Amino acid sequence: MDGSHDGPAARLQDDAGDCIIPESLADTHASAPITRLVAEVAAQCSGDRITLGEMGEAFGDRAFGLLILLLCLPGLLPGMASVFGTPMLILGVQMGLGFRKPKLPAFIARQSLKRTDLMRLTPGSTTRVSRAIAKIERWVRPRPGPFTNATADKVVGWLTAYAALMLILPGPGTNGPPAFGVIVMALGVVENDSKVVGIGMALTILGNLFATAVLGALLWFGMEALHYVY
């Protein structure tokens, strides 16, 4: 990532943008790379900020993957994971319950990110973030398969919800592994790539098991310490 800026999700604020986004945008570009859709959404917004609610409407069936991706990126940053864990948990539960589109609570829907930060994800940008995403998009592509159906989406949702809990709970080194797995899953969901979703599922399961083991060990040592003291 570009060392001169935080990631897009790290700049979420409680301000709304001023966007007029065609309702048919997601349907018109159902198989387009996510960076192209992001560029079109940013082009439709004249304000300085774009809300998650507006993005959820614009991206339609692909909104779950995009919003989870944006919220999960701070999970790789120290001290940021717990802030974004709750919105991730809500989105994961909704996806696990089979919702086709996110139904964002007002306090999440009105959260926003800077339009300039969103533009850093688009093909026209020259930041390291955009270059990295461009490289990923050359490999990630629509590949329907066993991990791109409704049942798989529910599994992705529950794995995301579990990972969100691991991000919320404090533990040394427990944020990165689950967050990385969810990021890979979200990329696969956004691009309808069964192979990438499957790889992301495996990484998320391993990351969740690691985080659970670390938190379990911390709890055990804490109880042993209390027993020793008293």
Protein backbone atom coordinates (compact mmCIF):
# COMPACT_ATOMS: atom_id res chain seq x y z
CA MET A 1 0.00 0.00 0.00
CA ASP A 2 1.01 3.61 -0.45
CA GLY A 3 2.89 4.50 2.68
CA SER A 4 1.76 8.13 2.54
CA HIS A 5 -1.90 7.31 3.21
CA ASP A 6 -3.97 4.98 5.27
CA GLY A 7 -6.17 2.52 3.41
CA PRO A 8 -9.63 3.67 2.25
CA ALA A 9 -11.45 1.91 5.06
CA ALA A 10 -9.26 3.58 7.65
CA ARG A 11 -10.73 6.95 6.70
CA LEU A 12 -14.37 6.15 7.35
CA GLN A 13 -16.17 9.12 8.86
CA ASP A 14 -19.72 9.98 9.84
CA ASP A 15 -20.35 12.29 6.88
CA ALA A 16 -22.47 11.82 3.77
CA GLY A 17 -21.55 12.42 0.19
CA ASP A 18 -23.71 13.86 -2.59
CA CYS A 19 -24.26 11.09 -5.13
CA ILE A 20 -26.77 10.35 -7.86
CA ILE A 21 -26.01 6.73 -8.74
CA PRO A 22 -28.13 4.93 -11.36
CA GLU A 23 -29.99 1.99 -9.81
CA SER A 24 -29.12 -0.12 -12.87
CA LEU A 25 -25.36 0.36 -12.49
CA ALA A 26 -24.69 -3.02 -10.86
CA ASP A 27 -26.92 -4.88 -13.32
CA THR A 28 -25.41 -3.14 -16.34
CA HIS A 29 -21.87 -4.09 -15.31
CA ALA A 30 -22.60 -7.39 -13.57
CA SER A 31 -19.31 -8.95 -14.70
CA ALA A 32 -17.12 -5.84 -14.80
CA PRO A 33 -14.00 -5.62 -12.63
CA ILE A 34 -14.74 -4.01 -9.30
CA THR A 35 -12.26 -1.19 -9.99
CA ARG A 36 -14.34 -0.13 -13.00
CA LEU A 37 -17.50 -0.01 -10.89
CA VAL A 38 -15.69 1.94 -8.18
CA ALA A 39 -14.54 4.47 -10.80
CA GLU A 40 -18.09 4.91 -12.11
CA VAL A 41 -19.51 5.35 -8.61
CA ALA A 42 -16.84 7.94 -7.78
CA ALA A 43 -17.60 9.77 -11.04
CA GLN A 44 -21.28 10.05 -10.08
CA CYS A 45 -20.47 11.66 -6.72
CA SER A 46 -19.81 15.38 -6.63
CA GLY A 47 -19.26 15.54 -2.87
CA ASP A 48 -16.05 14.90 -0.97
CA ARG A 49 -17.35 11.71 0.68
CA ILE A 50 -19.31 8.62 -0.37
CA THR A 51 -21.38 6.73 2.19
CA LEU A 52 -21.43 2.97 2.64
CA GLY A 53 -25.20 3.11 2.13
CA GLU A 54 -24.75 4.69 -1.30
CA MET A 55 -22.14 2.13 -2.24
CA GLY A 56 -24.37 -0.69 -1.04
CA GLU A 57 -27.14 0.51 -3.32
CA ALA A 58 -24.80 1.01 -6.28
CA PHE A 59 -23.14 -2.40 -6.12
CA GLY A 60 -26.29 -4.47 -5.69
CA ASP A 61 -25.56 -8.20 -5.30
CA ARG A 62 -21.84 -7.49 -5.18
CA ALA A 63 -22.15 -5.07 -2.26
CA PHE A 64 -21.50 -7.67 0.45
CA GLY A 65 -18.07 -8.50 -0.91
CA LEU A 66 -17.08 -4.88 -1.49
CA LEU A 67 -18.24 -3.58 1.90
CA ILE A 68 -16.67 -6.50 3.77
CA LEU A 69 -13.43 -5.89 1.88
CA LEU A 70 -13.38 -2.19 2.76
CA LEU A 71 -14.18 -2.89 6.41
CA CYS A 72 -11.70 -5.74 6.71
CA LEU A 73 -8.63 -3.89 5.44
CA PRO A 74 -8.09 -2.12 8.79
CA GLY A 75 -7.95 -5.57 10.41
CA LEU A 76 -4.36 -5.65 9.22
CA LEU A 77 -3.60 -2.39 11.04
CA PRO A 78 -2.80 -2.37 14.78
CA GLY A 79 -5.54 -0.83 16.91
CA MET A 80 -8.05 -0.48 14.07
CA ALA A 81 -9.64 -3.93 13.91
CA SER A 82 -12.05 -3.55 16.84
CA VAL A 83 -13.51 -0.34 15.34
CA PHE A 84 -14.58 -2.07 12.13
CA GLY A 85 -15.33 -5.48 13.61
CA THR A 86 -18.95 -4.69 14.54
CA PRO A 87 -20.04 -3.58 11.03
CA MET A 88 -18.26 -6.65 9.63
CA LEU A 89 -20.10 -8.86 12.11
CA ILE A 90 -23.46 -7.42 11.07
CA LEU A 91 -22.73 -7.87 7.36
CA GLY A 92 -21.44 -11.40 7.92
CA VAL A 93 -24.56 -12.44 9.84
CA GLN A 94 -26.82 -10.97 7.15
CA MET A 95 -24.91 -12.82 4.45
CA GLY A 96 -25.02 -16.00 6.51
CA LEU A 97 -28.79 -15.66 6.84
CA GLY A 98 -29.12 -15.49 3.06
CA PHE A 99 -29.74 -11.78 2.50
CA ARG A 100 -29.18 -10.95 -1.18
CA LYS A 101 -28.25 -7.34 -0.42
CA PRO A 102 -26.96 -5.68 2.76
CA LYS A 103 -29.55 -4.03 4.99
CA LEU A 104 -27.29 -1.58 6.72
CA PRO A 105 -28.31 -0.07 10.06
CA ALA A 106 -28.35 3.73 9.90
CA PHE A 107 -25.16 4.11 11.94
CA ILE A 108 -23.28 2.00 9.36
CA ALA A 109 -25.04 3.28 6.22
CA ARG A 110 -24.09 6.88 6.97
CA GLN A 111 -20.41 6.07 7.49
CA SER A 112 -18.41 7.38 4.57
CA LEU A 113 -15.02 7.42 2.97
CA LYS A 114 -13.26 10.15 1.06
CA ARG A 115 -13.92 10.23 -2.66
CA THR A 116 -10.19 10.74 -3.22
CA ASP A 117 -9.43 7.57 -1.24
CA LEU A 118 -11.97 5.64 -3.31
CA MET A 119 -10.31 6.89 -6.48
CA ARG A 120 -7.06 5.34 -5.27
CA LEU A 121 -8.64 1.95 -6.03
CA THR A 122 -9.45 2.79 -9.65
CA PRO A 123 -7.43 1.85 -12.77
CA GLY A 124 -6.49 5.49 -13.44
CA SER A 125 -4.66 5.83 -10.14
CA THR A 126 -0.88 5.42 -9.94
CA THR A 127 -0.70 4.50 -6.25
CA ARG A 128 0.73 1.21 -5.06
CA VAL A 129 -2.76 0.25 -3.92
CA SER A 130 -4.23 0.55 -7.41
CA ARG A 131 -1.25 -1.22 -8.99
CA ALA A 132 -1.59 -4.10 -6.54
CA ILE A 133 -5.33 -4.38 -7.19
CA ALA A 134 -4.71 -4.27 -10.96
CA LYS A 135 -2.32 -7.21 -10.64
CA ILE A 136 -4.83 -9.16 -8.55
CA GLU A 137 -7.63 -8.46 -11.03
CA ARG A 138 -5.57 -9.95 -13.83
CA TRP A 139 -5.71 -13.25 -11.94
CA VAL A 140 -9.11 -12.94 -10.25
CA ARG A 141 -11.91 -13.26 -12.79
CA PRO A 142 -15.48 -14.60 -13.01
CA ARG A 143 -15.19 -18.38 -12.56
CA PRO A 144 -18.52 -19.92 -11.53
CA GLY A 145 -18.20 -23.07 -9.50
CA PRO A 146 -19.09 -24.78 -6.21
CA PHE A 147 -18.14 -21.72 -4.15
CA THR A 148 -20.25 -19.15 -6.01
CA ASN A 149 -23.75 -20.37 -5.13
CA ALA A 150 -26.20 -19.34 -2.41
CA THR A 151 -25.03 -22.02 0.03
CA ALA A 152 -21.39 -20.98 -0.37
CA ASP A 153 -22.37 -17.34 0.19
CA LYS A 154 -23.92 -18.32 3.52
CA VAL A 155 -20.72 -20.12 4.52
CA VAL A 156 -18.72 -17.01 3.57
CA GLY A 157 -21.06 -14.94 5.72
CA TRP A 158 -20.68 -17.08 8.84
CA LEU A 159 -16.91 -17.33 8.39
CA THR A 160 -16.82 -13.54 8.10
CA ALA A 161 -18.93 -13.16 11.24
CA TYR A 162 -16.61 -15.48 13.18
CA ALA A 163 -13.56 -13.61 11.90
CA ALA A 164 -15.20 -10.32 12.97
CA LEU A 165 -15.50 -11.67 16.51
CA MET A 166 -11.80 -12.53 16.44
CA LEU A 167 -11.08 -8.93 15.38
CA ILE A 168 -13.25 -7.50 18.14
CA LEU A 169 -11.73 -9.63 20.90
CA PRO A 170 -8.28 -8.44 22.04
CA GLY A 171 -5.39 -10.80 21.44
CA PRO A 172 -1.76 -10.48 20.30
CA GLY A 173 -1.35 -11.39 16.65
CA THR A 174 -4.94 -12.60 16.26
CA ASN A 175 -6.17 -9.94 13.82
CA GLY A 176 -4.02 -10.52 10.75
CA PRO A 177 -4.69 -14.19 9.86
CA PRO A 178 -8.53 -14.02 9.96
CA ALA A 179 -8.57 -10.60 8.26
CA PHE A 180 -6.33 -11.78 5.42
CA GLY A 181 -8.53 -14.81 4.78
CA VAL A 182 -11.67 -12.68 4.71
CA ILE A 183 -10.04 -10.22 2.28
CA VAL A 184 -9.31 -13.09 -0.13
CA MET A 185 -12.88 -14.41 0.27
CA ALA A 186 -14.34 -10.95 -0.33
CA LEU A 187 -12.30 -10.50 -3.50
CA GLY A 188 -13.62 -13.82 -4.77
CA VAL A 189 -17.21 -12.88 -3.91
CA VAL A 190 -16.91 -9.49 -5.61
CA GLU A 191 -15.52 -11.03 -8.81
CA ASN A 192 -17.67 -14.20 -8.67
CA ASP A 193 -14.51 -16.33 -8.66
CA SER A 194 -15.15 -19.77 -7.18
CA LYS A 195 -11.46 -20.64 -6.98
CA VAL A 196 -10.53 -17.53 -5.02
CA VAL A 197 -13.53 -17.88 -2.71
CA GLY A 198 -12.49 -21.47 -1.96
CA ILE A 199 -8.91 -20.42 -1.20
CA GLY A 200 -10.23 -17.59 0.98
CA MET A 201 -12.48 -19.99 2.89
CA ALA A 202 -9.52 -22.25 3.67
CA LEU A 203 -7.37 -19.29 4.76
CA THR A 204 -10.19 -17.87 6.91
CA ILE A 205 -10.80 -21.21 8.63
CA LEU A 206 -7.09 -21.55 9.39
CA GLY A 207 -6.91 -17.92 10.56
CA ASN A 208 -9.97 -18.33 12.79
CA LEU A 209 -8.57 -21.54 14.30
CA PHE A 210 -5.27 -19.78 15.02
CA ALA A 211 -6.98 -16.78 16.63
CA THR A 212 -9.28 -19.03 18.66
CA ALA A 213 -6.33 -21.07 19.91
CA VAL A 214 -4.41 -17.95 20.95
CA LEU A 215 -7.41 -16.44 22.74
CA GLY A 216 -8.16 -19.78 24.39
CA ALA A 217 -4.57 -20.04 25.60
CA LEU A 218 -4.70 -16.49 26.96
CA LEU A 219 -7.92 -17.28 28.82
CA TRP A 220 -6.42 -20.47 30.28
CA PHE A 221 -3.25 -18.69 31.43
CA GLY A 222 -5.35 -15.89 32.91
CA MET A 223 -7.46 -18.33 34.90
CA GLU A 224 -4.35 -20.17 36.06
CA ALA A 225 -2.80 -16.87 37.17
CA LEU A 226 -5.91 -15.94 39.14
CA HIS A 227 -5.94 -19.40 40.74
CA TYR A 228 -2.28 -18.97 41.68
CA VAL A 229 -2.86 -15.52 43.18
CA TYR A 230 -5.95 -16.49 45.16
